[in-house]
């Protein structure tokens, strides 16, 4: 077989908007499809931590804090929003906002 090295991308090379999408949408799907909410939370937390590492490397502490707040806030807002507009539209809306913020404030700099 081939070489099976495991390496982590440099923090400043990570597309955090993609990680935010993976964390919010992927976490929601994992929780929904498995019925194990903590498993979805683990996906959410892992993507958030990996993104925060990159935000800190690419920006500054206040911007990193704002992006972490946006990510966590998106997760928190999706629940009450889902009761009003449905789960998939709620997840899509908050993910669009959070990933857009990550793109503008970190990824395209």
PDB file of N, CA and C in Angstrom:
ATOM      1  N   UNK A   1       0.830  -1.181   0.000  1.00  0.00           N
ATOM      2  CA  UNK A   1       0.000   0.000   0.000  1.00  0.00           C
ATOM      3  C   UNK A   1       0.870   1.238   0.000  1.00  0.00           C
ATOM      4  N   UNK A   2       0.207   2.374  -0.180  1.00  0.00           N
ATOM      5  CA  UNK A   2       0.918   3.647  -0.223  1.00  0.00           C
ATOM      6  C   UNK A   2       1.297   4.152   1.155  1.00  0.00           C
ATOM      7  N   UNK A   3       1.919   5.282   1.128  1.00  0.00           N
ATOM      8  CA  UNK A   3       2.341   5.943   2.358  1.00  0.00           C
ATOM      9  C   UNK A   3       1.110   6.447   3.111  1.00  0.00           C
ATOM     10  N   UNK A   4       0.995   6.133   4.388  1.00  0.00           N
ATOM     11  CA  UNK A   4      -0.193   6.476   5.178  1.00  0.00           C
ATOM     12  C   UNK A   4       0.115   7.551   6.222  1.00  0.00           C
ATOM     13  N   UNK A   5       0.953   8.504   5.878  1.00  0.00           N
ATOM     14  CA  UNK A   5       1.269   9.577   6.830  1.00  0.00           C
ATOM     15  C   UNK A   5       0.034  10.399   7.136  1.00  0.00           C
ATOM     16  N   UNK A   6      -0.015  10.852   8.355  1.00  0.00           N
ATOM     17  CA  UNK A   6      -1.098  11.727   8.761  1.00  0.00           C
ATOM     18  C   UNK A   6      -0.495  13.070   9.122  1.00  0.00           C
ATOM     19  N   UNK A   7      -0.902  14.083   8.383  1.00  0.00           N
ATOM     20  CA  UNK A   7      -0.421  15.426   8.684  1.00  0.00           C
ATOM     21  C   UNK A   7      -1.612  16.369   8.741  1.00  0.00           C
ATOM     22  N   UNK A   8      -1.456  17.397   9.515  1.00  0.00           N
ATOM     23  CA  UNK A   8      -2.480  18.422   9.626  1.00  0.00           C
ATOM     24  C   UNK A   8      -2.029  19.622   8.819  1.00  0.00           C
ATOM     25  N   UNK A   9      -2.934  20.165   8.031  1.00  0.00           N
ATOM     26  CA  UNK A   9      -2.631  21.363   7.246  1.00  0.00           C
ATOM     27  C   UNK A   9      -2.180  22.492   8.156  1.00  0.00           C
ATOM     28  N   UNK A  10      -1.326  23.342   7.631  1.00  0.00           N
ATOM     29  CA  UNK A  10      -0.962  24.543   8.377  1.00  0.00           C
ATOM     30  C   UNK A  10      -2.223  25.364   8.608  1.00  0.00           C
ATOM     31  N   UNK A  11      -2.294  25.968   9.776  1.00  0.00           N
ATOM     32  CA  UNK A  11      -3.503  26.699  10.173  1.00  0.00           C
ATOM     33  C   UNK A  11      -3.886  27.782   9.177  1.00  0.00           C
ATOM     34  N   UNK A  12      -2.904  28.451   8.597  1.00  0.00           N
ATOM     35  CA  UNK A  12      -3.223  29.551   7.684  1.00  0.00           C
ATOM     36  C   UNK A  12      -3.586  29.075   6.272  1.00  0.00           C
ATOM     37  N   UNK A  13      -3.618  27.761   6.056  1.00  0.00           N
ATOM     38  CA  UNK A  13      -3.970  27.211   4.748  1.00  0.00           C
ATOM     39  C   UNK A  13      -5.367  26.584   4.713  1.00  0.00           C
ATOM     40  N   UNK A  14      -6.069  26.615   5.837  1.00  0.00           N
ATOM     41  CA  UNK A  14      -7.369  25.961   5.947  1.00  0.00           C
ATOM     42  C   UNK A  14      -8.487  26.890   5.467  1.00  0.00           C
ATOM     43  N   UNK A  15      -9.393  26.349   4.666  1.00  0.00           N
ATOM     44  CA  UNK A  15     -10.594  27.079   4.273  1.00  0.00           C
ATOM     45  C   UNK A  15     -11.607  26.927   5.396  1.00  0.00           C
ATOM     46  N   UNK A  16     -11.705  27.934   6.243  1.00  0.00           N
ATOM     47  CA  UNK A  16     -12.571  27.812   7.409  1.00  0.00           C
ATOM     48  C   UNK A  16     -14.050  27.899   7.042  1.00  0.00           C
ATOM     49  N   UNK A  17     -14.388  28.574   5.962  1.00  0.00           N
ATOM     50  CA  UNK A  17     -15.797  28.605   5.542  1.00  0.00           C
ATOM     51  C   UNK A  17     -16.278  27.183   5.265  1.00  0.00           C
ATOM     52  N   UNK A  18     -15.445  26.382   4.633  1.00  0.00           N
ATOM     53  CA  UNK A  18     -15.793  24.983   4.370  1.00  0.00           C
ATOM     54  C   UNK A  18     -15.919  24.189   5.660  1.00  0.00           C
ATOM     55  N   UNK A  19     -15.054  24.475   6.620  1.00  0.00           N
ATOM     56  CA  UNK A  19     -15.129  23.782   7.908  1.00  0.00           C
ATOM     57  C   UNK A  19     -16.392  24.173   8.664  1.00  0.00           C
ATOM     58  N   UNK A  20     -16.769  25.439   8.582  1.00  0.00           N
ATOM     59  CA  UNK A  20     -18.000  25.901   9.238  1.00  0.00           C
ATOM     60  C   UNK A  20     -19.211  25.182   8.629  1.00  0.00           C
ATOM     61  N   UNK A  21     -19.234  25.082   7.317  1.00  0.00           N
ATOM     62  CA  UNK A  21     -20.322  24.370   6.644  1.00  0.00           C
ATOM     63  C   UNK A  21     -20.346  22.909   7.092  1.00  0.00           C
ATOM     64  N   UNK A  22     -19.182  22.289   7.127  1.00  0.00           N
ATOM     65  CA  UNK A  22     -19.101  20.892   7.550  1.00  0.00           C
ATOM     66  C   UNK A  22     -19.568  20.723   8.991  1.00  0.00           C
ATOM     67  N   UNK A  23     -19.160  21.631   9.865  1.00  0.00           N
ATOM     68  CA  UNK A  23     -19.542  21.521  11.271  1.00  0.00           C
ATOM     69  C   UNK A  23     -21.031  21.702  11.496  1.00  0.00           C
ATOM     70  N   UNK A  24     -21.609  22.735  10.903  1.00  0.00           N
ATOM     71  CA  UNK A  24     -23.021  23.023  11.137  1.00  0.00           C
ATOM     72  C   UNK A  24     -23.949  22.056  10.391  1.00  0.00           C
ATOM     73  N   UNK A  25     -23.726  21.888   9.106  1.00  0.00           N
ATOM     74  CA  UNK A  25     -24.580  20.984   8.332  1.00  0.00           C
ATOM     75  C   UNK A  25     -24.258  19.526   8.675  1.00  0.00           C
ATOM     76  N   UNK A  26     -22.972  19.203   8.716  1.00  0.00           N
ATOM     77  CA  UNK A  26     -22.572  17.827   9.020  1.00  0.00           C
ATOM     78  C   UNK A  26     -22.986  17.402  10.416  1.00  0.00           C
ATOM     79  N   UNK A  27     -22.800  18.280  11.387  1.00  0.00           N
ATOM     80  CA  UNK A  27     -23.211  17.959  12.753  1.00  0.00           C
ATOM     81  C   UNK A  27     -24.706  17.717  12.845  1.00  0.00           C
ATOM     82  N   UNK A  28     -25.470  18.561  12.176  1.00  0.00           N
ATOM     83  CA  UNK A  28     -26.924  18.406  12.173  1.00  0.00           C
ATOM     84  C   UNK A  28     -27.322  17.084  11.511  1.00  0.00           C
ATOM     85  N   UNK A  29     -26.711  16.771  10.362  1.00  0.00           N
ATOM     86  CA  UNK A  29     -27.050  15.528   9.670  1.00  0.00           C
ATOM     87  C   UNK A  29     -26.660  14.290  10.472  1.00  0.00           C
ATOM     88  N   UNK A  30     -25.485  14.320  11.079  1.00  0.00           N
ATOM     89  CA  UNK A  30     -25.051  13.176  11.890  1.00  0.00           C
ATOM     90  C   UNK A  30     -26.023  12.958  13.046  1.00  0.00           C
ATOM     91  N   UNK A  31     -26.390  14.034  13.733  1.00  0.00           N
ATOM     92  CA  UNK A  31     -27.332  13.914  14.846  1.00  0.00           C
ATOM     93  C   UNK A  31     -28.691  13.404  14.366  1.00  0.00           C
ATOM     94  N   UNK A  32     -29.156  13.946  13.255  1.00  0.00           N
ATOM     95  CA  UNK A  32     -30.475  13.558  12.743  1.00  0.00           C
ATOM     96  C   UNK A  32     -30.495  12.114  12.263  1.00  0.00           C
ATOM     97  N   UNK A  33     -29.480  11.718  11.525  1.00  0.00           N
ATOM     98  CA  UNK A  33     -29.495  10.385  10.912  1.00  0.00           C
ATOM     99  C   UNK A  33     -29.117   9.271  11.878  1.00  0.00           C
ATOM    100  N   UNK A  34     -28.305   9.563  12.873  1.00  0.00           N
ATOM    101  CA  UNK A  34     -27.942   8.528  13.842  1.00  0.00           C
ATOM    102  C   UNK A  34     -28.877   8.521  15.038  1.00  0.00           C
ATOM    103  N   UNK A  35     -29.515   9.662  15.295  1.00  0.00           N
ATOM    104  CA  UNK A  35     -30.328   9.793  16.494  1.00  0.00           C
ATOM    105  C   UNK A  35     -29.486  10.010  17.741  1.00  0.00           C
ATOM    106  N   UNK A  36     -28.187  10.199  17.549  1.00  0.00           N
ATOM    107  CA  UNK A  36     -27.262  10.400  18.669  1.00  0.00           C
ATOM    108  C   UNK A  36     -26.794  11.851  18.633  1.00  0.00           C
ATOM    109  N   UNK A  37     -27.501  12.702  19.365  1.00  0.00           N
ATOM    110  CA  UNK A  37     -27.199  14.131  19.334  1.00  0.00           C
ATOM    111  C   UNK A  37     -25.755  14.448  19.751  1.00  0.00           C
ATOM    112  N   UNK A  38     -25.209  13.775  20.768  1.00  0.00           N
ATOM    113  CA  UNK A  38     -23.816  14.077  21.133  1.00  0.00           C
ATOM    114  C   UNK A  38     -22.821  13.782  20.014  1.00  0.00           C
ATOM    115  N   UNK A  39     -23.133  12.829  19.150  1.00  0.00           N
ATOM    116  CA  UNK A  39     -22.255  12.540  18.023  1.00  0.00           C
ATOM    117  C   UNK A  39     -22.255  13.710  17.031  1.00  0.00           C
ATOM    118  N   UNK A  40     -23.427  14.269  16.792  1.00  0.00           N
ATOM    119  CA  UNK A  40     -23.498  15.472  15.966  1.00  0.00           C
ATOM    120  C   UNK A  40     -22.771  16.626  16.618  1.00  0.00           C
ATOM    121  N   UNK A  41     -22.885  16.725  17.947  1.00  0.00           N
ATOM    122  CA  UNK A  41     -22.159  17.756  18.688  1.00  0.00           C
ATOM    123  C   UNK A  41     -20.656  17.594  18.585  1.00  0.00           C
ATOM    124  N   UNK A  42     -20.193  16.351  18.508  1.00  0.00           N
ATOM    125  CA  UNK A  42     -18.753  16.101  18.365  1.00  0.00           C
ATOM    126  C   UNK A  42     -18.252  16.606  17.016  1.00  0.00           C
ATOM    127  N   UNK A  43     -19.046  16.396  15.963  1.00  0.00           N
ATOM    128  CA  UNK A  43     -18.691  16.921  14.632  1.00  0.00           C
ATOM    129  C   UNK A  43     -18.639  18.442  14.686  1.00  0.00           C
ATOM    130  N   UNK A  44     -19.666  19.031  15.271  1.00  0.00           N
ATOM    131  CA  UNK A  44     -19.736  20.489  15.419  1.00  0.00           C
ATOM    132  C   UNK A  44     -18.514  21.021  16.174  1.00  0.00           C
ATOM    133  N   UNK A  45     -18.191  20.396  17.291  1.00  0.00           N
ATOM    134  CA  UNK A  45     -17.066  20.852  18.124  1.00  0.00           C
ATOM    135  C   UNK A  45     -15.724  20.681  17.422  1.00  0.00           C
ATOM    136  N   UNK A  46     -15.531  19.556  16.753  1.00  0.00           N
ATOM    137  CA  UNK A  46     -14.258  19.316  16.066  1.00  0.00           C
ATOM    138  C   UNK A  46     -14.028  20.336  14.956  1.00  0.00           C
ATOM    139  N   UNK A  47     -15.055  20.601  14.163  1.00  0.00           N
ATOM    140  CA  UNK A  47     -14.914  21.586  13.080  1.00  0.00           C
ATOM    141  C   UNK A  47     -14.730  22.994  13.633  1.00  0.00           C
ATOM    142  N   UNK A  48     -15.419  23.292  14.724  1.00  0.00           N
ATOM    143  CA  UNK A  48     -15.263  24.605  15.348  1.00  0.00           C
ATOM    144  C   UNK A  48     -13.867  24.814  15.911  1.00  0.00           C
ATOM    145  N   UNK A  49     -13.337  23.797  16.566  1.00  0.00           N
ATOM    146  CA  UNK A  49     -11.987  23.906  17.127  1.00  0.00           C
ATOM    147  C   UNK A  49     -10.938  24.041  16.023  1.00  0.00           C
ATOM    148  N   UNK A  50     -11.103  23.260  14.969  1.00  0.00           N
ATOM    149  CA  UNK A  50     -10.154  23.323  13.851  1.00  0.00           C
ATOM    150  C   UNK A  50     -10.217  24.690  13.159  1.00  0.00           C
ATOM    151  N   UNK A  51     -11.423  25.231  13.039  1.00  0.00           N
ATOM    152  CA  UNK A  51     -11.584  26.563  12.446  1.00  0.00           C
ATOM    153  C   UNK A  51     -10.986  27.638  13.349  1.00  0.00           C
ATOM    154  N   UNK A  52     -11.247  27.545  14.641  1.00  0.00           N
ATOM    155  CA  UNK A  52     -10.720  28.550  15.577  1.00  0.00           C
ATOM    156  C   UNK A  52      -9.199  28.605  15.531  1.00  0.00           C
ATOM    157  N   UNK A  53      -8.573  27.451  15.390  1.00  0.00           N
ATOM    158  CA  UNK A  53      -7.108  27.388  15.254  1.00  0.00           C
ATOM    159  C   UNK A  53      -6.660  28.212  14.048  1.00  0.00           C
ATOM    160  N   UNK A  54      -7.375  28.090  12.960  1.00  0.00           N
ATOM    161  CA  UNK A  54      -7.021  28.827  11.752  1.00  0.00           C
ATOM    162  C   UNK A  54      -7.353  30.307  11.866  1.00  0.00           C
ATOM    163  N   UNK A  55      -8.501  30.620  12.481  1.00  0.00           N
ATOM    164  CA  UNK A  55      -8.854  32.026  12.652  1.00  0.00           C
ATOM    165  C   UNK A  55      -7.798  32.754  13.466  1.00  0.00           C
ATOM    166  N   UNK A  56      -7.304  32.108  14.481  1.00  0.00           N
ATOM    167  CA  UNK A  56      -6.282  32.727  15.324  1.00  0.00           C
ATOM    168  C   UNK A  56      -4.985  32.932  14.545  1.00  0.00           C
ATOM    169  N   UNK A  57      -4.644  31.991  13.679  1.00  0.00           N
ATOM    170  CA  UNK A  57      -3.427  32.114  12.876  1.00  0.00           C
ATOM    171  C   UNK A  57      -3.568  33.180  11.786  1.00  0.00           C
ATOM    172  N   UNK A  58      -4.759  33.338  11.231  1.00  0.00           N
ATOM    173  CA  UNK A  58      -4.968  34.250  10.113  1.00  0.00           C
ATOM    174  C   UNK A  58      -5.363  35.659  10.524  1.00  0.00           C
ATOM    175  N   UNK A  59      -5.961  35.794  11.707  1.00  0.00           N
ATOM    176  CA  UNK A  59      -6.491  37.103  12.095  1.00  0.00           C
ATOM    177  C   UNK A  59      -5.928  37.494  13.458  1.00  0.00           C
ATOM    178  N   UNK A  60      -6.742  38.071  14.294  1.00  0.00           N
ATOM    179  CA  UNK A  60      -6.325  38.470  15.636  1.00  0.00           C
ATOM    180  C   UNK A  60      -7.328  37.923  16.662  1.00  0.00           C
ATOM    181  N   UNK A  61      -7.065  38.159  17.917  1.00  0.00           N
ATOM    182  CA  UNK A  61      -7.920  37.613  18.975  1.00  0.00           C
ATOM    183  C   UNK A  61      -9.359  38.143  18.890  1.00  0.00           C
ATOM    184  N   UNK A  62      -9.584  39.454  18.715  1.00  0.00           N
ATOM    185  CA  UNK A  62     -10.974  39.919  18.627  1.00  0.00           C
ATOM    186  C   UNK A  62     -11.749  39.317  17.442  1.00  0.00           C
ATOM    187  N   UNK A  63     -11.097  39.193  16.293  1.00  0.00           N
ATOM    188  CA  UNK A  63     -11.767  38.604  15.127  1.00  0.00           C
ATOM    189  C   UNK A  63     -12.042  37.129  15.370  1.00  0.00           C
ATOM    190  N   UNK A  64     -11.074  36.428  15.955  1.00  0.00           N
ATOM    191  CA  UNK A  64     -11.269  35.020  16.283  1.00  0.00           C
ATOM    192  C   UNK A  64     -12.443  34.857  17.246  1.00  0.00           C
ATOM    193  N   UNK A  65     -12.496  35.704  18.260  1.00  0.00           N
ATOM    194  CA  UNK A  65     -13.601  35.640  19.228  1.00  0.00           C
ATOM    195  C   UNK A  65     -14.942  35.902  18.544  1.00  0.00           C
ATOM    196  N   UNK A  66     -14.966  36.858  17.634  1.00  0.00           N
ATOM    197  CA  UNK A  66     -16.209  37.165  16.909  1.00  0.00           C
ATOM    198  C   UNK A  66     -16.640  35.988  16.037  1.00  0.00           C
ATOM    199  N   UNK A  67     -15.686  35.342  15.386  1.00  0.00           N
ATOM    200  CA  UNK A  67     -16.019  34.205  14.533  1.00  0.00           C
ATOM    201  C   UNK A  67     -16.457  32.992  15.352  1.00  0.00           C
ATOM    202  N   UNK A  68     -15.805  32.758  16.478  1.00  0.00           N
ATOM    203  CA  UNK A  68     -16.238  31.675  17.367  1.00  0.00           C
ATOM    204  C   UNK A  68     -17.651  31.972  17.866  1.00  0.00           C
ATOM    205  N   UNK A  69     -17.901  33.218  18.257  1.00  0.00           N
ATOM    206  CA  UNK A  69     -19.233  33.608  18.706  1.00  0.00           C
ATOM    207  C   UNK A  69     -20.279  33.432  17.623  1.00  0.00           C
ATOM    208  N   UNK A  70     -19.922  33.757  16.400  1.00  0.00           N
ATOM    209  CA  UNK A  70     -20.841  33.588  15.269  1.00  0.00           C
ATOM    210  C   UNK A  70     -21.149  32.112  15.043  1.00  0.00           C
ATOM    211  N   UNK A  71     -20.131  31.282  15.116  1.00  0.00           N
ATOM    212  CA  UNK A  71     -20.297  29.830  14.920  1.00  0.00           C
ATOM    213  C   UNK A  71     -21.194  29.228  16.002  1.00  0.00           C
ATOM    214  N   UNK A  72     -20.870  29.524  17.253  1.00  0.00           N
ATOM    215  CA  UNK A  72     -21.666  29.005  18.374  1.00  0.00           C
ATOM    216  C   UNK A  72     -23.072  29.602  18.345  1.00  0.00           C
ATOM    217  N   UNK A  73     -23.149  30.884  18.034  1.00  0.00           N
ATOM    218  CA  UNK A  73     -24.450  31.534  17.944  1.00  0.00           C
ATOM    219  C   UNK A  73     -25.312  30.946  16.836  1.00  0.00           C
ATOM    220  N   UNK A  74     -24.693  30.596  15.718  1.00  0.00           N
ATOM    221  CA  UNK A  74     -25.433  29.983  14.613  1.00  0.00           C
ATOM    222  C   UNK A  74     -26.044  28.659  15.061  1.00  0.00           C
ATOM    223  N   UNK A  75     -25.255  27.875  15.777  1.00  0.00           N
ATOM    224  CA  UNK A  75     -25.767  26.611  16.293  1.00  0.00           C
ATOM    225  C   UNK A  75     -26.936  26.861  17.247  1.00  0.00           C
ATOM    226  N   UNK A  76     -26.760  27.787  18.170  1.00  0.00           N
ATOM    227  CA  UNK A  76     -27.810  28.079  19.139  1.00  0.00           C
ATOM    228  C   UNK A  76     -29.064  28.654  18.500  1.00  0.00           C
ATOM    229  N   UNK A  77     -28.911  29.514  17.516  1.00  0.00           N
ATOM    230  CA  UNK A  77     -30.044  30.143  16.846  1.00  0.00           C
ATOM    231  C   UNK A  77     -30.810  29.164  15.959  1.00  0.00           C
ATOM    232  N   UNK A  78     -30.116  28.154  15.466  1.00  0.00           N
ATOM    233  CA  UNK A  78     -30.784  27.221  14.556  1.00  0.00           C
ATOM    234  C   UNK A  78     -31.935  26.473  15.228  1.00  0.00           C
ATOM    235  N   UNK A  79     -31.830  26.240  16.514  1.00  0.00           N
ATOM    236  CA  UNK A  79     -32.876  25.481  17.209  1.00  0.00           C
ATOM    237  C   UNK A  79     -34.208  26.245  17.291  1.00  0.00           C
ATOM    238  N   UNK A  80     -34.234  27.464  17.833  1.00  0.00           N
ATOM    239  CA  UNK A  80     -35.513  28.179  17.850  1.00  0.00           C
ATOM    240  C   UNK A  80     -35.990  28.554  16.446  1.00  0.00           C
ATOM    241  N   UNK A  81     -35.053  28.829  15.552  1.00  0.00           N
ATOM    242  CA  UNK A  81     -35.416  29.162  14.185  1.00  0.00           C
ATOM    243  C   UNK A  81     -36.073  27.969  13.483  1.00  0.00           C
ATOM    244  N   UNK A  82     -35.608  26.768  13.796  1.00  0.00           N
ATOM    245  CA  UNK A  82     -36.174  25.559  13.189  1.00  0.00           C
ATOM    246  C   UNK A  82     -37.649  25.404  13.528  1.00  0.00           C
ATOM    247  N   UNK A  83     -38.051  25.866  14.697  1.00  0.00           N
ATOM    248  CA  UNK A  83     -39.466  25.775  15.092  1.00  0.00           C
ATOM    249  C   UNK A  83     -40.333  26.709  14.262  1.00  0.00           C
ATOM    250  N   UNK A  84     -39.727  27.765  13.729  1.00  0.00           N
ATOM    251  CA  UNK A  84     -40.489  28.743  12.949  1.00  0.00           C
ATOM    252  C   UNK A  84     -40.475  28.455  11.451  1.00  0.00           C
ATOM    253  N   UNK A  85     -39.315  28.037  10.929  1.00  0.00           N
ATOM    254  CA  UNK A  85     -39.208  27.867   9.469  1.00  0.00           C
ATOM    255  C   UNK A  85     -38.857  26.445   9.046  1.00  0.00           C
ATOM    256  N   UNK A  86     -38.622  25.558   9.988  1.00  0.00           N
ATOM    257  CA  UNK A  86     -38.257  24.174   9.671  1.00  0.00           C
ATOM    258  C   UNK A  86     -36.768  23.946   9.863  1.00  0.00           C
ATOM    259  N   UNK A  87     -36.386  22.700  10.124  1.00  0.00           N
ATOM    260  CA  UNK A  87     -34.985  22.423  10.439  1.00  0.00           C
ATOM    261  C   UNK A  87     -34.012  22.672   9.288  1.00  0.00           C
ATOM    262  N   UNK A  88     -34.331  22.179   8.093  1.00  0.00           N
ATOM    263  CA  UNK A  88     -33.380  22.356   7.005  1.00  0.00           C
ATOM    264  C   UNK A  88     -33.213  23.836   6.634  1.00  0.00           C
ATOM    265  N   UNK A  89     -34.285  24.616   6.466  1.00  0.00           N
ATOM    266  CA  UNK A  89     -34.087  26.037   6.175  1.00  0.00           C
ATOM    267  C   UNK A  89     -33.321  26.768   7.289  1.00  0.00           C
ATOM    268  N   UNK A  90     -33.572  26.401   8.535  1.00  0.00           N
ATOM    269  CA  UNK A  90     -32.873  27.047   9.649  1.00  0.00           C
ATOM    270  C   UNK A  90     -31.379  26.763   9.588  1.00  0.00           C
ATOM    271  N   UNK A  91     -31.016  25.510   9.370  1.00  0.00           N
ATOM    272  CA  UNK A  91     -29.599  25.139   9.291  1.00  0.00           C
ATOM    273  C   UNK A  91     -28.948  25.818   8.088  1.00  0.00           C
ATOM    274  N   UNK A  92     -29.643  25.846   6.967  1.00  0.00           N
ATOM    275  CA  UNK A  92     -29.104  26.495   5.770  1.00  0.00           C
ATOM    276  C   UNK A  92     -28.872  27.982   6.001  1.00  0.00           C
ATOM    277  N   UNK A  93     -29.819  28.645   6.651  1.00  0.00           N
ATOM    278  CA  UNK A  93     -29.696  30.082   6.895  1.00  0.00           C
ATOM    279  C   UNK A  93     -28.536  30.411   7.828  1.00  0.00           C
ATOM    280  N   UNK A  94     -28.480  29.750   8.967  1.00  0.00           N
ATOM    281  CA  UNK A  94     -27.405  30.083   9.919  1.00  0.00           C
ATOM    282  C   UNK A  94     -26.046  29.675   9.382  1.00  0.00           C
ATOM    283  N   UNK A  95     -25.999  28.608   8.605  1.00  0.00           N
ATOM    284  CA  UNK A  95     -24.728  28.177   8.009  1.00  0.00           C
ATOM    285  C   UNK A  95     -24.243  29.181   6.978  1.00  0.00           C
ATOM    286  N   UNK A  96     -25.158  29.732   6.200  1.00  0.00           N
ATOM    287  CA  UNK A  96     -24.801  30.744   5.207  1.00  0.00           C
ATOM    288  C   UNK A  96     -24.189  31.968   5.880  1.00  0.00           C
ATOM    289  N   UNK A  97     -24.793  32.413   6.960  1.00  0.00           N
ATOM    290  CA  UNK A  97     -24.287  33.583   7.680  1.00  0.00           C
ATOM    291  C   UNK A  97     -22.916  33.291   8.294  1.00  0.00           C
ATOM    292  N   UNK A  98     -22.798  32.175   8.989  1.00  0.00           N
ATOM    293  CA  UNK A  98     -21.541  31.862   9.682  1.00  0.00           C
ATOM    294  C   UNK A  98     -20.403  31.577   8.706  1.00  0.00           C
ATOM    295  N   UNK A  99     -20.686  30.852   7.635  1.00  0.00           N
ATOM    296  CA  UNK A  99     -19.621  30.562   6.668  1.00  0.00           C
ATOM    297  C   UNK A  99     -19.250  31.816   5.878  1.00  0.00           C
ATOM    298  N   UNK A 100     -20.225  32.675   5.612  1.00  0.00           N
ATOM    299  CA  UNK A 100     -19.932  33.950   4.946  1.00  0.00           C
ATOM    300  C   UNK A 100     -19.029  34.818   5.791  1.00  0.00           C
ATOM    301  N   UNK A 101     -19.298  34.870   7.093  1.00  0.00           N
ATOM    302  CA  UNK A 101     -18.442  35.641   8.022  1.00  0.00           C
ATOM    303  C   UNK A 101     -17.039  35.073   8.030  1.00  0.00           C
ATOM    304  N   UNK A 102     -16.915  33.743   8.052  1.00  0.00           N
ATOM    305  CA  UNK A 102     -15.590  33.117   8.058  1.00  0.00           C
ATOM    306  C   UNK A 102     -14.835  33.443   6.766  1.00  0.00           C
ATOM    307  N   UNK A 103     -15.545  33.424   5.681  1.00  0.00           N
ATOM    308  CA  UNK A 103     -14.919  33.730   4.384  1.00  0.00           C
ATOM    309  C   UNK A 103     -14.418  35.172   4.348  1.00  0.00           C
ATOM    310  N   UNK A 104     -15.280  36.105   4.705  1.00  0.00           N
ATOM    311  CA  UNK A 104     -14.947  37.531   4.613  1.00  0.00           C
ATOM    312  C   UNK A 104     -13.905  37.944   5.643  1.00  0.00           C
ATOM    313  N   UNK A 105     -14.059  37.498   6.877  1.00  0.00           N
ATOM    314  CA  UNK A 105     -13.175  37.959   7.949  1.00  0.00           C
ATOM    315  C   UNK A 105     -11.870  37.187   8.064  1.00  0.00           C
ATOM    316  N   UNK A 106     -11.801  36.004   7.433  1.00  0.00           N
ATOM    317  CA  UNK A 106     -10.594  35.203   7.593  1.00  0.00           C
ATOM    318  C   UNK A 106     -10.051  34.643   6.270  1.00  0.00           C
ATOM    319  N   UNK A 107     -10.871  33.935   5.536  1.00  0.00           N
ATOM    320  CA  UNK A 107     -10.352  33.158   4.401  1.00  0.00           C
ATOM    321  C   UNK A 107      -9.838  33.996   3.240  1.00  0.00           C
ATOM    322  N   UNK A 108     -10.498  35.094   2.899  1.00  0.00           N
ATOM    323  CA  UNK A 108     -10.071  35.849   1.712  1.00  0.00           C
ATOM    324  C   UNK A 108      -9.055  36.937   2.029  1.00  0.00           C
ATOM    325  N   UNK A 109      -8.636  37.012   3.279  1.00  0.00           N
ATOM    326  CA  UNK A 109      -7.624  38.021   3.643  1.00  0.00           C
ATOM    327  C   UNK A 109      -6.263  37.616   3.141  1.00  0.00           C
TER     328      UNK A 109
END
